[in-house]
Amino acid sequence: MIKKESTNFNYKLGLNLLMVLALSTVQMLRGSGSQPSMIGVTRCDFHDWALYAILIAIGLAMTLLAIFL
């Protein structure tokens, strides 16, 4: 296990990069509080909370992958 995780190119680095991509994408889709987002979502409506729930699910899935793989 130490040998597998001691390299510079392991799968956990890929998980970190995917999480940064997911955070950036969801933030762009959610938009700011003063104006609607690129897809027309405003803060605190159903679609905004759905995007936030998807982000939490992605984060939990990546955490579980990092623990169990």
Protein backbone atom coordinates (compact mmCIF):
# COMPACT_ATOMS: atom_id res chain seq x y z
CA MET A 1 0.00 0.00 0.00
CA ILE A 2 2.84 2.39 0.81
CA LYS A 3 4.52 1.66 -2.51
CA LYS A 4 1.23 2.22 -4.39
CA GLU A 5 0.54 5.58 -2.74
CA SER A 6 4.12 6.86 -2.74
CA THR A 7 4.18 7.57 -6.48
CA ASN A 8 3.34 10.96 -7.93
CA PHE A 9 0.68 9.57 -10.26
CA ASN A 10 -1.89 7.68 -8.23
CA TYR A 11 -5.64 7.60 -8.55
CA LYS A 12 -6.20 9.90 -5.55
CA LEU A 13 -4.64 12.76 -7.50
CA GLY A 14 -7.22 12.13 -10.21
CA LEU A 15 -10.00 12.19 -7.63
CA ASN A 16 -8.75 15.55 -6.35
CA LEU A 17 -8.69 16.99 -9.86
CA LEU A 18 -12.19 15.67 -10.56
CA MET A 19 -13.46 17.26 -7.36
CA VAL A 20 -12.00 20.64 -8.34
CA LEU A 21 -13.69 20.26 -11.73
CA ALA A 22 -17.01 19.35 -10.08
CA LEU A 23 -16.79 22.31 -7.68
CA SER A 24 -16.03 24.74 -10.50
CA THR A 25 -18.80 23.39 -12.72
CA VAL A 26 -21.46 23.49 -10.02
CA GLN A 27 -20.42 26.99 -8.99
CA MET A 28 -20.77 28.23 -12.57
CA LEU A 29 -24.13 26.50 -12.93
CA ARG A 30 -25.41 27.95 -9.64
CA GLY A 31 -24.39 31.53 -10.46
CA SER A 32 -24.23 34.48 -8.11
CA GLY A 33 -26.95 35.66 -5.75
CA SER A 34 -27.68 38.87 -7.66
CA GLN A 35 -28.09 37.45 -11.18
CA PRO A 36 -29.28 34.14 -12.60
CA SER A 37 -26.65 31.65 -13.68
CA MET A 38 -25.69 30.54 -17.20
CA ILE A 39 -28.60 28.08 -17.26
CA GLY A 40 -31.10 30.44 -15.59
CA VAL A 41 -30.90 29.10 -12.03
CA THR A 42 -31.35 31.62 -9.24
CA ARG A 43 -30.25 31.09 -5.67
CA CYS A 44 -32.49 29.22 -3.22
CA ASP A 45 -34.89 27.76 -5.79
CA PHE A 46 -35.39 24.04 -6.40
CA HIS A 47 -32.79 23.73 -9.15
CA ASP A 48 -30.17 25.49 -7.05
CA TRP A 49 -30.70 23.06 -4.17
CA ALA A 50 -30.65 20.12 -6.59
CA LEU A 51 -27.26 21.22 -7.95
CA TYR A 52 -25.98 21.58 -4.40
CA ALA A 53 -27.26 18.09 -3.51
CA ILE A 54 -25.53 16.66 -6.59
CA LEU A 55 -22.28 18.31 -5.50
CA ILE A 56 -22.58 16.77 -2.04
CA ALA A 57 -23.28 13.34 -3.57
CA ILE A 58 -20.22 13.64 -5.83
CA GLY A 59 -18.08 14.63 -2.85
CA LEU A 60 -19.31 11.69 -0.79
CA ALA A 61 -18.77 9.28 -3.67
CA MET A 62 -15.20 10.48 -4.20
CA THR A 63 -14.51 10.24 -0.48
CA LEU A 64 -15.73 6.65 -0.41
CA LEU A 65 -13.66 5.81 -3.48
CA ALA A 66 -10.56 7.26 -1.86
CA ILE A 67 -11.16 5.25 1.31
CA PHE A 68 -12.04 1.88 -0.16
CA LEU A 69 -9.85 1.71 -3.29
